[in-house]
Amino acid sequence: MSASQIDDLDTPVWGAAAIAEIIHKTETQTNYLLIKRRIDATKVGRLWVTTRRRLLNQFSETDARP
């Protein structure tokens, strides 16, 4: 993995719409998951923020479970 790819993983992802795009859910589904704390994200003001790395780690583990 190149240095730029690693940096991309740690770039903040702001807002439910952007998070939804990464995890392949609708914005409504993503908002529900964020409110229920099922997604590893932090609320800053009115926006949720996380990183691509946190999302990929979380959803890779979930997908690997039987």
C-alpha atoms as a PDB file:
ATOM      1  CA  MET A   1       0.000   0.000   0.000  1.00  0.00           C
ATOM      2  CA  SER A   2       1.430   3.376  -0.960  1.00  0.00           C
ATOM      3  CA  ALA A   3       1.773   6.297   1.426  1.00  0.00           C
ATOM      4  CA  SER A   4      -1.003   8.232  -0.348  1.00  0.00           C
ATOM      5  CA  GLN A   5      -3.407   5.288   0.026  1.00  0.00           C
ATOM      6  CA  ILE A   6      -2.640   5.106   3.753  1.00  0.00           C
ATOM      7  CA  ASP A   7      -3.220   8.869   4.089  1.00  0.00           C
ATOM      8  CA  ASP A   8      -6.570   8.493   2.292  1.00  0.00           C
ATOM      9  CA  LEU A   9      -7.666   5.952   4.907  1.00  0.00           C
ATOM     10  CA  ASP A  10      -7.091   8.482   7.691  1.00  0.00           C
ATOM     11  CA  THR A  11      -8.767  11.454   6.003  1.00  0.00           C
ATOM     12  CA  PRO A  12     -11.932  12.461   7.883  1.00  0.00           C
ATOM     13  CA  VAL A  13     -15.240  11.452   6.332  1.00  0.00           C
ATOM     14  CA  TRP A  14     -17.833  14.094   7.210  1.00  0.00           C
ATOM     15  CA  GLY A  15     -21.586  13.572   7.223  1.00  0.00           C
ATOM     16  CA  ALA A  16     -24.008  10.678   6.975  1.00  0.00           C
ATOM     17  CA  ALA A  17     -24.211  10.903   3.176  1.00  0.00           C
ATOM     18  CA  ALA A  18     -20.454  10.423   2.742  1.00  0.00           C
ATOM     19  CA  ILE A  19     -20.386   7.630   5.315  1.00  0.00           C
ATOM     20  CA  ALA A  20     -23.363   5.948   3.589  1.00  0.00           C
ATOM     21  CA  GLU A  21     -21.502   5.950   0.289  1.00  0.00           C
ATOM     22  CA  ILE A  22     -18.538   4.112   1.818  1.00  0.00           C
ATOM     23  CA  ILE A  23     -20.586   1.463   3.616  1.00  0.00           C
ATOM     24  CA  HIS A  24     -23.070   1.013   0.741  1.00  0.00           C
ATOM     25  CA  LYS A  25     -26.188   1.947   2.707  1.00  0.00           C
ATOM     26  CA  THR A  26     -28.799   4.633   2.180  1.00  0.00           C
ATOM     27  CA  GLU A  27     -28.433   7.886   4.061  1.00  0.00           C
ATOM     28  CA  THR A  28     -31.519   7.013   6.131  1.00  0.00           C
ATOM     29  CA  GLN A  29     -30.095   3.626   7.098  1.00  0.00           C
ATOM     30  CA  THR A  30     -26.767   5.236   7.941  1.00  0.00           C
ATOM     31  CA  ASN A  31     -28.394   7.913  10.122  1.00  0.00           C
ATOM     32  CA  TYR A  32     -30.213   5.174  12.041  1.00  0.00           C
ATOM     33  CA  LEU A  33     -26.961   3.226  12.541  1.00  0.00           C
ATOM     34  CA  LEU A  34     -25.154   6.386  13.655  1.00  0.00           C
ATOM     35  CA  ILE A  35     -27.844   7.344  16.162  1.00  0.00           C
ATOM     36  CA  LYS A  36     -27.895   3.792  17.565  1.00  0.00           C
ATOM     37  CA  ARG A  37     -24.050   3.918  17.808  1.00  0.00           C
ATOM     38  CA  ARG A  38     -23.647   0.927  15.487  1.00  0.00           C
ATOM     39  CA  ILE A  39     -21.078   2.857  13.446  1.00  0.00           C
ATOM     40  CA  ASP A  40     -17.764   3.961  14.943  1.00  0.00           C
ATOM     41  CA  ALA A  41     -18.176   7.735  14.493  1.00  0.00           C
ATOM     42  CA  THR A  42     -18.218  10.927  16.520  1.00  0.00           C
ATOM     43  CA  LYS A  43     -20.743  13.726  16.311  1.00  0.00           C
ATOM     44  CA  VAL A  44     -19.215  17.182  15.893  1.00  0.00           C
ATOM     45  CA  GLY A  45     -21.896  19.824  16.013  1.00  0.00           C
ATOM     46  CA  ARG A  46     -24.568  18.556  13.634  1.00  0.00           C
ATOM     47  CA  LEU A  47     -22.278  16.348  11.556  1.00  0.00           C
ATOM     48  CA  TRP A  48     -20.948  12.843  12.110  1.00  0.00           C
ATOM     49  CA  VAL A  49     -17.272  12.258  11.403  1.00  0.00           C
ATOM     50  CA  THR A  50     -15.147   9.147  11.112  1.00  0.00           C
ATOM     51  CA  THR A  51     -12.348   7.857   8.897  1.00  0.00           C
ATOM     52  CA  ARG A  52     -12.408   5.401   6.041  1.00  0.00           C
ATOM     53  CA  ARG A  53     -10.015   3.193   8.057  1.00  0.00           C
ATOM     54  CA  ARG A  54     -12.449   2.997  11.012  1.00  0.00           C
ATOM     55  CA  LEU A  55     -15.352   2.142   8.705  1.00  0.00           C
ATOM     56  CA  LEU A  56     -13.448  -0.486   6.757  1.00  0.00           C
ATOM     57  CA  ASN A  57     -12.124  -2.099   9.936  1.00  0.00           C
ATOM     58  CA  GLN A  58     -15.564  -2.179  11.520  1.00  0.00           C
ATOM     59  CA  PHE A  59     -17.438  -3.500   8.506  1.00  0.00           C
ATOM     60  CA  SER A  60     -14.723  -5.987   7.521  1.00  0.00           C
ATOM     61  CA  GLU A  61     -15.000  -7.550  10.997  1.00  0.00           C
ATOM     62  CA  THR A  62     -18.801  -7.607  10.777  1.00  0.00           C
ATOM     63  CA  ASP A  63     -18.737  -9.236   7.332  1.00  0.00           C
ATOM     64  CA  ALA A  64     -16.282 -11.913   8.497  1.00  0.00           C
ATOM     65  CA  ARG A  65     -18.538 -13.179  11.288  1.00  0.00           C
ATOM     66  CA  PRO A  66     -20.488 -16.398  10.574  1.00  0.00           C
END
